[in-house]
N, C-alpha and C. Protein backbone atom coordinates (compact mmCIF):
# COMPACT_ATOMS: atom_id res chain seq x y z
N MET A 1 -18.99 31.78 70.79
CA MET A 1 -17.68 31.62 70.36
C MET A 1 -17.21 30.15 69.98
N ASN A 2 -16.82 30.37 68.43
CA ASN A 2 -16.60 28.90 67.89
C ASN A 2 -15.14 28.95 68.02
N ARG A 3 -14.90 27.56 68.53
CA ARG A 3 -13.36 27.13 68.60
C ARG A 3 -13.17 26.63 67.32
N PRO A 4 -11.82 26.91 66.88
CA PRO A 4 -11.08 26.40 65.88
C PRO A 4 -10.86 24.90 65.90
N THR A 5 -11.15 24.69 64.40
CA THR A 5 -11.35 22.97 64.43
C THR A 5 -10.16 22.31 65.23
N TRP A 6 -9.16 22.54 65.43
CA TRP A 6 -7.94 21.43 66.32
C TRP A 6 -8.46 21.68 67.53
N GLN A 7 -9.21 22.61 68.30
CA GLN A 7 -9.50 22.37 69.41
C GLN A 7 -10.58 21.76 70.02
N ARG A 8 -11.80 21.66 68.70
CA ARG A 8 -12.54 20.70 69.36
C ARG A 8 -12.59 19.45 69.87
N ARG A 9 -13.22 19.16 70.72
CA ARG A 9 -13.28 17.58 71.52
C ARG A 9 -13.95 16.64 70.91
N ASP A 10 -13.36 15.61 70.70
CA ASP A 10 -13.99 14.29 70.03
C ASP A 10 -14.54 13.52 71.19
N LEU A 11 -16.00 13.85 71.43
CA LEU A 11 -16.50 13.36 72.64
C LEU A 11 -16.93 11.89 72.79
N SER A 12 -16.73 11.00 71.56
CA SER A 12 -16.47 9.50 71.49
C SER A 12 -15.19 8.98 72.12
N PHE A 13 -14.24 9.74 72.12
CA PHE A 13 -12.81 9.33 72.38
C PHE A 13 -12.96 8.59 73.89
N PRO A 14 -13.65 9.23 74.97
CA PRO A 14 -13.39 8.41 76.29
C PRO A 14 -14.12 7.32 76.71
N PHE A 15 -15.16 7.24 75.53
CA PHE A 15 -16.10 6.12 75.39
C PHE A 15 -15.37 4.73 74.79
N GLN A 16 -14.79 5.41 73.40
CA GLN A 16 -13.97 3.96 73.01
C GLN A 16 -12.93 3.40 73.96
N GLY A 17 -12.25 4.25 74.75
CA GLY A 17 -11.40 3.76 75.87
C GLY A 17 -12.06 2.96 76.71
N LEU A 18 -13.04 3.50 77.24
CA LEU A 18 -13.86 2.67 78.41
C LEU A 18 -14.31 1.22 77.46
N GLN A 19 -14.58 1.44 76.47
CA GLN A 19 -15.36 0.00 75.89
C GLN A 19 -13.96 -0.86 75.61
N THR A 20 -12.72 -0.30 75.18
CA THR A 20 -11.59 -1.36 75.06
C THR A 20 -11.08 -1.89 76.51
N GLU A 21 -11.00 -1.05 77.30
CA GLU A 21 -10.67 -1.59 78.54
C GLU A 21 -11.87 -2.50 79.16
N LEU A 22 -13.04 -2.36 79.15
CA LEU A 22 -14.14 -3.27 79.55
C LEU A 22 -13.70 -4.67 78.77
N ASN A 23 -13.77 -4.68 77.50
CA ASN A 23 -13.49 -5.83 76.73
C ASN A 23 -12.35 -6.41 76.95
N ARG A 24 -11.19 -5.98 77.47
CA ARG A 24 -9.47 -6.28 77.85
C ARG A 24 -10.06 -7.09 79.32
N LEU A 25 -10.97 -6.37 80.02
CA LEU A 25 -11.18 -7.00 81.73
C LEU A 25 -11.85 -8.34 81.27
N PHE A 26 -12.89 -8.31 80.78
CA PHE A 26 -13.70 -9.39 80.54
C PHE A 26 -13.10 -10.89 79.74
N ASP A 27 -12.09 -10.31 78.80
CA ASP A 27 -11.48 -11.21 78.17
C ASP A 27 -10.21 -12.00 79.34
N GLU A 28 -10.09 -11.24 80.14
CA GLU A 28 -8.92 -11.78 81.00
C GLU A 28 -9.58 -12.43 81.98
N TYR A 29 -10.79 -12.05 82.50
CA TYR A 29 -11.55 -12.87 83.34
C TYR A 29 -12.18 -14.34 83.06
N TRP A 30 -12.63 -14.30 81.49
CA TRP A 30 -12.95 -15.45 81.16
C TRP A 30 -11.75 -16.29 80.34
N GLN A 31 -10.65 -15.88 80.32
CA GLN A 31 -9.78 -16.89 79.58
C GLN A 31 -8.39 -16.61 80.73
N PRO A 32 -7.79 -17.70 80.53
CA PRO A 32 -6.49 -17.81 81.52
C PRO A 32 -5.46 -16.86 81.10
N GLN A 33 -4.50 -16.51 81.72
CA GLN A 33 -3.60 -15.79 81.24
C GLN A 33 -2.69 -16.45 80.37
N GLY A 34 -2.52 -15.49 78.83
CA GLY A 34 -1.79 -15.85 77.82
C GLY A 34 -2.65 -16.67 76.93
N GLN A 35 -3.97 -16.83 77.15
CA GLN A 35 -4.75 -17.42 76.18
C GLN A 35 -5.57 -16.49 75.48
N GLN A 36 -5.49 -15.22 75.87
CA GLN A 36 -6.27 -14.29 75.12
C GLN A 36 -6.17 -14.29 73.51
N THR A 37 -7.16 -14.26 73.04
CA THR A 37 -7.33 -14.11 71.38
C THR A 37 -7.35 -12.66 71.19
N PRO A 38 -6.84 -11.99 70.04
CA PRO A 38 -7.22 -10.57 69.55
C PRO A 38 -8.63 -10.38 69.35
N ARG A 39 -9.35 -9.45 69.81
CA ARG A 39 -10.53 -9.13 69.56
C ARG A 39 -10.49 -7.79 68.67
N ALA A 40 -11.58 -7.90 67.88
CA ALA A 40 -11.53 -6.66 67.18
C ALA A 40 -12.65 -5.72 67.74
N SER A 41 -12.52 -4.50 67.39
CA SER A 41 -13.01 -3.34 68.35
C SER A 41 -14.56 -3.27 68.15
N THR A 42 -15.00 -4.24 67.04
CA THR A 42 -16.25 -4.00 66.63
C THR A 42 -17.14 -5.44 66.94
N ALA A 43 -16.21 -6.11 67.63
CA ALA A 43 -16.75 -7.72 67.86
C ALA A 43 -18.21 -7.64 68.41
N VAL A 44 -19.12 -8.75 68.08
CA VAL A 44 -20.37 -8.58 68.45
C VAL A 44 -20.44 -9.87 69.49
N ASP A 45 -21.15 -9.34 70.58
CA ASP A 45 -21.36 -10.38 71.59
C ASP A 45 -22.23 -11.64 71.21
N ARG A 46 -21.42 -12.87 71.25
CA ARG A 46 -21.67 -14.10 70.40
C ARG A 46 -23.07 -14.81 71.13
N ASN A 47 -23.16 -14.15 72.45
CA ASN A 47 -24.55 -14.80 72.98
C ASN A 47 -25.77 -13.86 72.28
N SER A 48 -25.80 -13.42 71.74
CA SER A 48 -26.87 -12.21 71.06
C SER A 48 -26.92 -12.65 69.78
N TRP A 49 -26.76 -13.71 69.33
CA TRP A 49 -27.13 -13.83 67.72
C TRP A 49 -28.49 -14.02 67.35
N ARG A 50 -28.94 -12.75 66.67
CA ARG A 50 -30.31 -12.73 66.28
C ARG A 50 -30.22 -12.49 64.93
N PRO A 51 -31.07 -13.25 64.08
CA PRO A 51 -30.69 -12.69 62.60
C PRO A 51 -31.62 -11.46 62.33
N ASN A 52 -31.48 -10.66 61.32
CA ASN A 52 -32.08 -9.59 61.16
C ASN A 52 -33.38 -10.08 59.91
N VAL A 53 -34.39 -9.03 60.18
CA VAL A 53 -35.56 -9.49 59.47
C VAL A 53 -36.38 -8.25 59.04
N ASP A 54 -36.83 -8.44 57.84
CA ASP A 54 -37.69 -7.42 57.41
C ASP A 54 -39.26 -8.08 56.90
N LEU A 55 -40.19 -7.12 57.56
CA LEU A 55 -41.88 -7.77 57.41
C LEU A 55 -42.45 -6.78 56.67
N ASP A 56 -43.06 -7.47 55.66
CA ASP A 56 -43.91 -6.25 54.87
C ASP A 56 -45.25 -7.04 54.71
N GLU A 57 -46.05 -5.95 54.45
CA GLU A 57 -47.63 -6.40 54.71
C GLU A 57 -48.27 -5.80 53.12
N THR A 58 -49.02 -6.68 52.86
CA THR A 58 -50.11 -6.34 51.57
C THR A 58 -51.18 -6.96 52.14
N PRO A 59 -52.24 -6.35 51.18
CA PRO A 59 -53.64 -6.91 51.67
C PRO A 59 -53.78 -8.39 51.80
N GLN A 60 -52.88 -8.95 51.02
CA GLN A 60 -53.21 -10.52 51.00
C GLN A 60 -52.37 -11.24 51.68
N GLU A 61 -51.18 -10.88 52.17
CA GLU A 61 -50.39 -11.60 52.84
C GLU A 61 -49.03 -10.85 53.90
N TRP A 62 -48.66 -11.67 54.54
CA TRP A 62 -47.30 -10.86 55.16
C TRP A 62 -46.09 -11.64 54.44
N LEU A 63 -45.15 -10.92 54.28
CA LEU A 63 -44.05 -11.21 53.82
C LEU A 63 -42.70 -10.96 54.78
N LEU A 64 -41.87 -11.99 55.07
CA LEU A 64 -40.83 -11.91 56.08
C LEU A 64 -39.49 -12.42 55.36
N SER A 65 -38.56 -11.66 55.28
CA SER A 65 -37.12 -12.06 54.98
C SER A 65 -36.23 -12.00 56.05
N VAL A 66 -35.67 -13.08 56.29
CA VAL A 66 -34.83 -13.21 57.50
C VAL A 66 -33.42 -13.72 56.82
N ASP A 67 -32.39 -12.90 57.48
CA ASP A 67 -31.10 -12.88 56.89
C ASP A 67 -30.42 -14.14 57.62
N LEU A 68 -29.85 -15.27 56.99
CA LEU A 68 -29.76 -16.46 57.54
C LEU A 68 -28.38 -16.97 56.88
N PRO A 69 -27.28 -16.02 56.23
CA PRO A 69 -25.91 -16.63 55.86
C PRO A 69 -25.47 -17.73 56.65
N GLY A 70 -24.93 -18.72 56.07
CA GLY A 70 -24.33 -19.89 56.95
C GLY A 70 -25.10 -20.64 57.43
N VAL A 71 -26.46 -20.70 57.36
CA VAL A 71 -27.42 -21.61 58.16
C VAL A 71 -27.97 -22.81 57.06
N ASP A 72 -27.97 -24.03 57.48
CA ASP A 72 -28.28 -25.07 56.30
C ASP A 72 -29.73 -25.05 56.75
N PRO A 73 -30.49 -24.78 55.54
CA PRO A 73 -31.89 -24.45 55.51
C PRO A 73 -32.70 -25.67 55.96
N SER A 74 -32.22 -26.92 55.95
CA SER A 74 -32.79 -28.36 56.24
C SER A 74 -32.85 -28.15 57.95
N THR A 75 -32.00 -27.42 58.56
CA THR A 75 -32.06 -27.15 60.10
C THR A 75 -33.10 -26.25 60.49
N ILE A 76 -33.44 -25.27 59.93
CA ILE A 76 -34.34 -24.31 60.49
C ILE A 76 -35.81 -25.06 60.91
N ASP A 77 -36.19 -24.78 62.02
CA ASP A 77 -37.50 -24.89 62.52
C ASP A 77 -38.29 -23.95 62.63
N LEU A 78 -39.30 -23.74 61.47
CA LEU A 78 -40.38 -22.89 61.64
C LEU A 78 -41.87 -23.18 61.84
N SER A 79 -42.26 -22.51 62.93
CA SER A 79 -43.58 -22.90 63.28
C SER A 79 -44.63 -21.38 63.27
N VAL A 80 -45.58 -21.68 63.24
CA VAL A 80 -46.74 -20.60 63.61
C VAL A 80 -47.72 -21.00 64.34
N SER A 81 -48.13 -20.28 65.65
CA SER A 81 -48.90 -20.71 66.78
C SER A 81 -50.05 -19.38 67.07
N GLY A 82 -51.08 -19.32 66.55
CA GLY A 82 -51.44 -18.27 66.88
C GLY A 82 -51.36 -17.24 66.06
N ASP A 83 -50.97 -15.95 66.45
CA ASP A 83 -50.42 -15.19 65.44
C ASP A 83 -48.82 -14.75 65.88
N VAL A 84 -48.24 -15.66 66.29
CA VAL A 84 -46.83 -15.72 66.18
C VAL A 84 -46.05 -16.64 65.32
N LEU A 85 -45.14 -16.19 64.81
CA LEU A 85 -44.30 -16.76 63.79
C LEU A 85 -42.93 -17.07 64.63
N THR A 86 -42.37 -18.42 64.97
CA THR A 86 -41.23 -18.58 65.47
C THR A 86 -40.33 -19.21 64.66
N ILE A 87 -39.18 -18.77 64.59
CA ILE A 87 -37.92 -19.20 63.95
C ILE A 87 -36.96 -19.56 64.70
N LYS A 88 -36.16 -21.06 64.69
CA LYS A 88 -35.25 -21.50 65.54
C LYS A 88 -34.07 -22.04 64.61
N GLY A 89 -33.03 -22.03 64.79
CA GLY A 89 -32.01 -22.85 64.13
C GLY A 89 -30.43 -22.37 64.76
N GLU A 90 -29.36 -22.94 63.93
CA GLU A 90 -28.05 -22.82 64.81
C GLU A 90 -27.08 -22.37 63.57
N ARG A 91 -26.39 -21.53 63.76
CA ARG A 91 -25.05 -21.24 62.88
C ARG A 91 -23.96 -21.89 63.15
N THR A 92 -23.15 -22.70 62.47
CA THR A 92 -21.94 -23.45 62.96
C THR A 92 -21.13 -22.81 61.88
N LEU A 93 -19.93 -22.40 62.41
CA LEU A 93 -18.74 -22.17 61.64
C LEU A 93 -17.69 -23.17 61.61
N SER A 94 -17.08 -23.40 60.60
CA SER A 94 -15.76 -24.25 60.70
C SER A 94 -14.60 -23.43 60.91
N HIS A 95 -13.54 -23.96 61.48
CA HIS A 95 -12.27 -23.51 61.33
C HIS A 95 -11.23 -24.52 61.04
N PRO A 96 -10.19 -24.05 60.37
CA PRO A 96 -9.02 -24.92 59.82
C PRO A 96 -8.35 -25.63 61.13
N ALA A 97 -8.20 -27.01 60.56
CA ALA A 97 -7.99 -27.97 61.95
C ALA A 97 -6.13 -27.55 62.06
N GLY A 98 -5.86 -27.26 63.32
CA GLY A 98 -4.63 -27.12 64.00
C GLY A 98 -4.30 -25.62 63.52
N GLY A 99 -5.33 -24.70 63.13
CA GLY A 99 -5.09 -23.47 63.09
C GLY A 99 -5.37 -22.58 64.42
N GLN A 100 -4.85 -21.44 64.72
CA GLN A 100 -5.08 -20.52 65.64
C GLN A 100 -6.11 -19.19 65.24
N ALA A 101 -7.18 -19.01 66.20
CA ALA A 101 -8.00 -17.67 65.88
C ALA A 101 -7.24 -16.62 66.08
N ARG A 102 -7.16 -15.89 65.23
CA ARG A 102 -6.75 -14.40 65.35
C ARG A 102 -7.72 -13.43 65.25
N ASN A 103 -9.07 -13.75 64.97
CA ASN A 103 -9.94 -12.32 64.95
C ASN A 103 -10.99 -13.03 64.67
N ARG A 104 -12.23 -13.16 65.39
CA ARG A 104 -13.57 -13.57 65.35
C ARG A 104 -14.79 -12.62 65.29
N GLU A 105 -15.16 -12.46 64.31
CA GLU A 105 -16.07 -11.11 64.22
C GLU A 105 -17.67 -11.96 63.89
N ARG A 106 -17.43 -13.10 63.19
CA ARG A 106 -18.87 -13.82 62.47
C ARG A 106 -19.43 -14.20 63.61
N VAL A 107 -20.72 -14.35 64.12
CA VAL A 107 -21.14 -14.89 65.39
C VAL A 107 -21.90 -16.49 64.58
N SER A 108 -22.07 -17.23 65.80
CA SER A 108 -22.20 -18.55 65.50
C SER A 108 -23.14 -19.06 66.80
N GLY A 109 -23.75 -20.14 66.73
CA GLY A 109 -24.55 -20.62 67.72
C GLY A 109 -26.12 -20.59 67.58
N PRO A 110 -26.86 -20.94 68.25
CA PRO A 110 -28.18 -21.14 68.13
C PRO A 110 -29.07 -19.71 68.23
N PHE A 111 -29.87 -19.78 67.64
CA PHE A 111 -30.69 -18.40 67.54
C PHE A 111 -32.45 -18.82 67.44
N SER A 112 -33.07 -17.84 67.93
CA SER A 112 -34.59 -18.05 67.82
C SER A 112 -34.79 -16.44 67.68
N ARG A 113 -36.16 -16.24 66.92
CA ARG A 113 -36.70 -15.11 66.55
C ARG A 113 -38.24 -15.53 66.87
N GLN A 114 -38.90 -14.57 67.29
CA GLN A 114 -40.56 -14.54 67.52
C GLN A 114 -41.06 -13.40 66.72
N ILE A 115 -41.78 -13.57 65.88
CA ILE A 115 -42.58 -12.42 64.93
C ILE A 115 -44.12 -12.49 65.30
N THR A 116 -44.70 -11.62 66.02
CA THR A 116 -46.02 -11.36 66.32
C THR A 116 -46.61 -10.96 65.32
N LEU A 117 -47.30 -11.61 64.39
CA LEU A 117 -48.20 -11.15 63.08
C LEU A 117 -49.69 -10.52 63.57
N GLY A 118 -50.42 -9.71 62.79
CA GLY A 118 -51.54 -9.39 62.94
C GLY A 118 -52.49 -10.72 62.88
N GLU A 119 -53.77 -10.51 63.40
CA GLU A 119 -54.66 -11.39 63.10
C GLU A 119 -54.86 -11.99 61.80
N GLY A 120 -55.30 -13.54 61.76
CA GLY A 120 -56.07 -13.92 60.31
C GLY A 120 -54.48 -14.46 59.58
N VAL A 121 -53.75 -14.94 60.10
CA VAL A 121 -52.78 -15.73 59.03
C VAL A 121 -53.41 -17.32 58.70
N ASP A 122 -52.92 -17.64 57.75
CA ASP A 122 -54.02 -18.86 57.06
C ASP A 122 -52.42 -19.80 57.24
N SER A 123 -52.22 -20.39 58.55
CA SER A 123 -51.17 -20.76 58.77
C SER A 123 -51.01 -22.21 58.13
N GLU A 124 -52.18 -23.12 57.34
CA GLU A 124 -52.23 -24.40 56.29
C GLU A 124 -51.42 -23.88 55.50
N ASN A 125 -51.35 -22.66 55.18
CA ASN A 125 -50.83 -22.35 53.71
C ASN A 125 -49.48 -21.27 53.63
N VAL A 126 -48.57 -21.53 54.70
CA VAL A 126 -47.75 -20.53 55.04
C VAL A 126 -46.47 -21.23 54.21
N GLN A 127 -45.70 -20.86 53.58
CA GLN A 127 -44.64 -21.20 52.48
C GLN A 127 -43.17 -20.40 52.74
N ALA A 128 -42.29 -21.40 52.77
CA ALA A 128 -41.09 -20.80 53.13
C ALA A 128 -39.80 -21.29 52.09
N GLU A 129 -38.93 -20.38 51.66
CA GLU A 129 -38.02 -20.60 50.83
C GLU A 129 -36.51 -19.94 51.06
N ALA A 130 -35.59 -20.63 50.94
CA ALA A 130 -34.32 -19.96 51.39
C ALA A 130 -33.44 -20.05 49.98
N ARG A 131 -32.71 -18.84 49.76
CA ARG A 131 -31.98 -18.37 48.87
C ARG A 131 -30.84 -17.48 49.12
N HIS A 132 -29.89 -18.24 48.70
CA HIS A 132 -28.40 -17.17 48.74
C HIS A 132 -28.37 -16.64 50.27
N GLY A 133 -28.67 -17.49 51.19
CA GLY A 133 -28.59 -16.93 52.58
C GLY A 133 -29.62 -16.11 53.23
N VAL A 134 -30.94 -16.08 52.50
CA VAL A 134 -31.87 -15.34 52.95
C VAL A 134 -33.27 -16.32 52.98
N LEU A 135 -34.10 -16.38 54.04
CA LEU A 135 -35.19 -17.39 54.17
C LEU A 135 -36.65 -16.34 53.73
N TYR A 136 -37.11 -16.96 53.02
CA TYR A 136 -38.21 -15.75 52.56
C TYR A 136 -39.69 -16.55 52.97
N ILE A 137 -40.41 -15.90 53.85
CA ILE A 137 -41.56 -16.75 54.42
C ILE A 137 -42.74 -15.89 53.67
N ARG A 138 -43.58 -16.58 52.93
CA ARG A 138 -45.10 -15.88 52.72
C ARG A 138 -45.94 -16.58 53.73
N MET A 139 -46.99 -15.59 54.00
CA MET A 139 -48.00 -15.97 55.18
C MET A 139 -49.22 -15.60 54.73
N PRO A 140 -49.99 -16.11 53.80
CA PRO A 140 -51.36 -15.70 53.18
C PRO A 140 -52.28 -15.39 54.41
N ARG A 141 -53.09 -14.30 54.42
CA ARG A 141 -54.21 -13.90 55.05
C ARG A 141 -55.32 -15.05 54.77
N ARG A 142 -56.23 -15.11 55.78
CA ARG A 142 -57.29 -15.86 56.00
C ARG A 142 -58.31 -15.47 55.10
N GLN A 143 -59.19 -16.17 54.54
CA GLN A 143 -60.33 -15.54 53.65
C GLN A 143 -61.65 -15.28 54.54
N ALA A 144 -61.53 -13.88 54.46
CA ALA A 144 -62.75 -13.38 55.38
C ALA A 144 -63.92 -13.58 54.54
N ALA A 145 -65.04 -13.45 55.33
CA ALA A 145 -66.23 -13.35 54.71
C ALA A 145 -66.36 -12.36 53.87
N LYS A 146 -66.66 -12.45 52.60
CA LYS A 146 -66.73 -11.35 51.51
C LYS A 146 -67.94 -10.47 51.97
N PRO A 147 -67.86 -9.37 51.84
CA PRO A 147 -69.31 -8.51 51.97
C PRO A 147 -70.04 -8.43 50.95
N ARG A 148 -71.58 -8.89 51.00
CA ARG A 148 -72.49 -8.91 49.77
C ARG A 148 -73.73 -8.08 50.51
N THR A 149 -74.46 -7.85 49.36
CA THR A 149 -75.51 -7.05 49.61
C THR A 149 -76.90 -8.22 49.65
N ILE A 150 -77.45 -7.50 50.70
CA ILE A 150 -78.71 -8.38 51.03
C ILE A 150 -80.01 -7.91 50.19
N PRO A 151 -80.66 -8.21 49.26
CA PRO A 151 -81.76 -7.86 48.76
C PRO A 151 -83.07 -7.65 49.78
N VAL A 152 -83.68 -6.85 49.83
CA VAL A 152 -85.06 -6.36 51.07
C VAL A 152 -86.17 -6.97 49.85
N GLN A 153 -86.79 -7.58 50.50
CA GLN A 153 -88.12 -8.25 49.61
C GLN A 153 -88.97 -7.32 50.00
N HIS A 154 -89.90 -6.76 49.34
CA HIS A 154 -91.27 -6.10 49.95
C HIS A 154 -92.48 -6.90 49.47
N GLY A 155 -93.51 -6.88 50.16
CA GLY A 155 -94.58 -7.54 49.50
C GLY A 155 -95.81 -7.17 49.67
């Protein structure tokens, strides 16, 4: 039996209401009465700041792209240990002096990402470049011994 469109229930509605109420309760708990700032319904937990990454692999290297808008490239700590690449840094946001926060959706604070790579990264030749808020990391593979043909002598 098909229901008319006006009778269909939106199943996401109860969950949206629950999320809104939980956000309000947490705001009241963490901030004194009268100190609450408006909260966007899509606000992200500021303690879960993790930049997005894309990892591509070619026969010669691994290519990693990391979204880091607003992060000063000179403050990024990049290291390779074994087959793990670690990226650490912090995004700080400036706010106008004497202004009042009305809505905050951009996340800030420290971040850390660890990417496990396949064996064979040539850590001595890793290169990183930041352009337009994206960190590009090129990680070449170590040169493996090339296969060769061994002639068999007969006597």
